[in-house]
Structures are given as structure tokens and as C-alpha cells.
Amino acid sequence: MKYKLSVTKGFASAHCLREYKGKCENMHGHNWKVRAAFCGSELDKTGMLIDFTDIKAHLDKIMYYLDHKFLNEIPPFDKINPTAENIAAYIFNELKKSETETAKVYEVEVWESETSSATVNNIISS
């Protein structure tokens, strides 16, 4: 059996897209929403894959780093474009540092608006 646990958090920040032809090349802000999911097949003795509190704590640290910032000025977005795709990948890679033996990061989805999101995951397709 596989289990997947998700936590949703948010942050507010500004960015501008380099080398983009359109209004998003200008500085603008978003109220970003982030859903992070962990998966695994083994539960601990309490019947948990990973404690929601632990996922929230790890995600809170990342949100604090991004919140109320001009993303283009903070690493790694001072070098790479702060697109929704790159933000999702950054959060995914940061969360990998909090994986346990049995709970692995499954995917991260980042919404820049109510209707637009980017997802990165570790699903291997053949």
C-alpha cells in the first residue's frame, strides 16, 4: 500500500521574468500557494508515514525564506528565472533535505494564481 500526505501553505512575494516579452517582465507580485506531498509505504509505530507537524515545520522554513521578498534578488533566483516551475523545483529540492527513510518528497505544486500552477514530482515515466 502507498500513502501520500499533503500540506498546503502560502507566501507573498514579487518577481519579474527575465527575457520574457510581455507584462510579466515588469515587477509584480503574487500570493503563492504551495502544496507539498510526501509518499511512502511504511508507517511508523504510531501509524504515521510522517507527522503533518514535521512537514509543516519544514515547509514553514522555506516559506519564511521566500515570503515578502523580491525573488529576483535572493538565491537561486538571482541567477535563474523565478518562474512557477523553478520555484516548485526549488521547494521540492529543499524539502528533500527533510526526507526520512520511509517518507520521500513526492511532488510540489505551486500556484501563482487561482487558475495557474506548476508541478514538479519524482514520478518516473518510461
Protein backbone atom coordinates (compact mmCIF):
# COMPACT_ATOMS: atom_id res chain seq x y z
CA MET A 1 0.00 0.00 0.00
CA LYS A 2 1.23 3.52 -0.78
CA TYR A 3 0.44 6.58 1.30
CA LYS A 4 0.58 10.21 0.22
CA LEU A 5 0.35 13.10 2.68
CA SER A 6 -0.04 16.71 1.59
CA VAL A 7 0.29 20.07 3.30
CA THR A 8 -0.67 23.42 1.79
CA LYS A 9 0.93 26.71 2.76
CA GLY A 10 1.40 30.10 1.14
CA PHE A 11 3.66 33.11 0.82
CA ALA A 12 3.59 36.51 -0.85
CA SER A 13 6.44 37.80 -2.99
CA ALA A 14 7.30 39.85 -6.04
CA HIS A 15 9.26 38.87 -9.13
CA CYS A 16 9.84 39.76 -12.74
CA LEU A 17 10.62 37.35 -15.54
CA ARG A 18 13.89 37.97 -17.32
CA GLU A 19 13.92 37.70 -21.14
CA TYR A 20 10.13 37.45 -21.17
CA LYS A 21 8.25 39.52 -23.70
CA GLY A 22 5.06 40.64 -22.02
CA LYS A 23 3.72 42.32 -18.93
CA CYS A 24 5.32 39.73 -16.60
CA GLU A 25 8.75 41.14 -17.46
CA ASN A 26 7.78 44.01 -15.14
CA MET A 27 7.94 43.61 -11.38
CA HIS A 28 4.68 42.25 -9.99
CA GLY A 29 3.54 40.21 -7.02
CA HIS A 30 1.66 37.03 -6.25
CA ASN A 31 0.07 35.39 -3.28
CA TRP A 32 1.61 31.99 -3.97
CA LYS A 33 0.03 28.76 -2.74
CA VAL A 34 2.21 25.69 -2.28
CA ARG A 35 1.11 22.08 -1.83
CA ALA A 36 3.86 19.67 -0.79
CA ALA A 37 3.28 15.92 -0.78
CA PHE A 38 5.32 13.11 0.76
CA CYS A 39 4.81 9.43 -0.03
CA GLY A 40 5.88 6.05 1.24
CA SER A 41 4.63 2.58 2.03
CA GLU A 42 5.73 2.02 5.63
CA LEU A 43 4.05 3.56 8.65
CA ASP A 44 5.80 4.09 11.96
CA LYS A 45 4.65 2.57 15.25
CA THR A 46 2.09 5.38 15.69
CA GLY A 47 0.55 4.58 12.32
CA MET A 48 2.01 7.63 10.56
CA LEU A 49 4.07 7.94 7.42
CA ILE A 50 5.38 11.31 8.62
CA ASP A 51 3.85 13.73 11.09
CA PHE A 52 1.94 16.59 9.43
CA THR A 53 3.58 18.85 12.02
CA ASP A 54 7.02 17.92 10.68
CA ILE A 55 6.02 18.61 7.06
CA LYS A 56 4.53 21.97 8.11
CA ALA A 57 7.69 22.91 10.01
CA HIS A 58 9.94 22.15 7.03
CA LEU A 59 7.64 23.98 4.65
CA ASP A 60 7.39 26.96 7.03
CA LYS A 61 11.18 27.43 6.91
CA ILE A 62 11.10 27.56 3.12
CA MET A 63 8.07 29.88 3.06
CA TYR A 64 9.82 32.22 5.52
CA TYR A 65 12.81 32.46 3.17
CA LEU A 66 10.56 33.37 0.20
CA ASP A 67 7.89 35.45 1.93
CA HIS A 68 7.73 39.21 1.28
CA LYS A 69 10.86 39.17 -0.86
CA PHE A 70 11.72 40.32 -4.35
CA LEU A 71 12.62 36.84 -5.57
CA ASN A 72 14.99 38.08 -8.28
CA GLU A 73 17.35 39.26 -5.53
CA ILE A 74 17.64 36.04 -3.49
CA PRO A 75 19.45 32.79 -4.37
CA PRO A 76 18.87 30.83 -6.50
CA PHE A 77 16.54 33.26 -8.29
CA ASP A 78 19.22 35.91 -8.57
CA LYS A 79 20.67 33.54 -11.21
CA ILE A 80 17.64 31.61 -12.52
CA ASN A 81 14.26 32.98 -13.54
CA PRO A 82 11.73 32.92 -10.68
CA THR A 83 9.08 31.12 -12.71
CA ALA A 84 6.45 28.97 -11.04
CA GLU A 85 8.31 25.92 -12.41
CA ASN A 86 11.64 27.00 -10.89
CA ILE A 87 10.01 27.93 -7.58
CA ALA A 88 8.36 24.48 -7.42
CA ALA A 89 11.70 22.80 -8.17
CA TYR A 90 13.46 24.90 -5.52
CA ILE A 91 10.89 23.97 -2.86
CA PHE A 92 10.99 20.31 -3.92
CA ASN A 93 14.80 20.21 -3.58
CA GLU A 94 14.73 21.99 -0.22
CA LEU A 95 12.12 19.55 1.09
CA LYS A 96 14.27 16.58 0.01
CA LYS A 97 16.60 17.57 2.88
CA SER A 98 13.80 16.60 5.30
CA GLU A 99 13.08 13.15 3.87
CA THR A 100 13.11 10.20 6.21
CA GLU A 101 13.98 6.60 5.43
CA THR A 102 10.33 5.87 4.72
CA ALA A 103 8.83 9.26 3.70
CA LYS A 104 10.05 10.80 0.45
CA VAL A 105 9.02 14.01 -1.27
CA TYR A 106 6.51 13.04 -3.92
CA GLU A 107 5.59 16.35 -5.53
CA VAL A 108 5.32 20.08 -5.07
CA GLU A 109 2.67 22.19 -6.75
CA VAL A 110 2.94 25.99 -6.81
CA TRP A 111 0.02 28.24 -7.76
CA GLU A 112 0.74 31.80 -8.81
CA SER A 113 -2.99 32.45 -9.17
CA GLU A 114 -6.26 30.62 -8.56
CA THR A 115 -6.12 29.18 -12.08
CA SER A 116 -2.39 28.68 -12.85
CA SER A 117 0.05 26.25 -11.25
CA ALA A 118 3.24 24.32 -11.91
CA THR A 119 4.02 20.89 -10.50
CA VAL A 120 7.31 19.07 -10.09
CA ASN A 121 7.46 15.46 -8.91
CA ASN A 122 9.64 12.39 -8.74
CA ILE A 123 7.36 10.21 -10.86
CA ILE A 124 9.49 8.23 -13.27
CA SER A 125 7.85 7.63 -16.62
CA SER A 126 9.07 5.10 -19.11
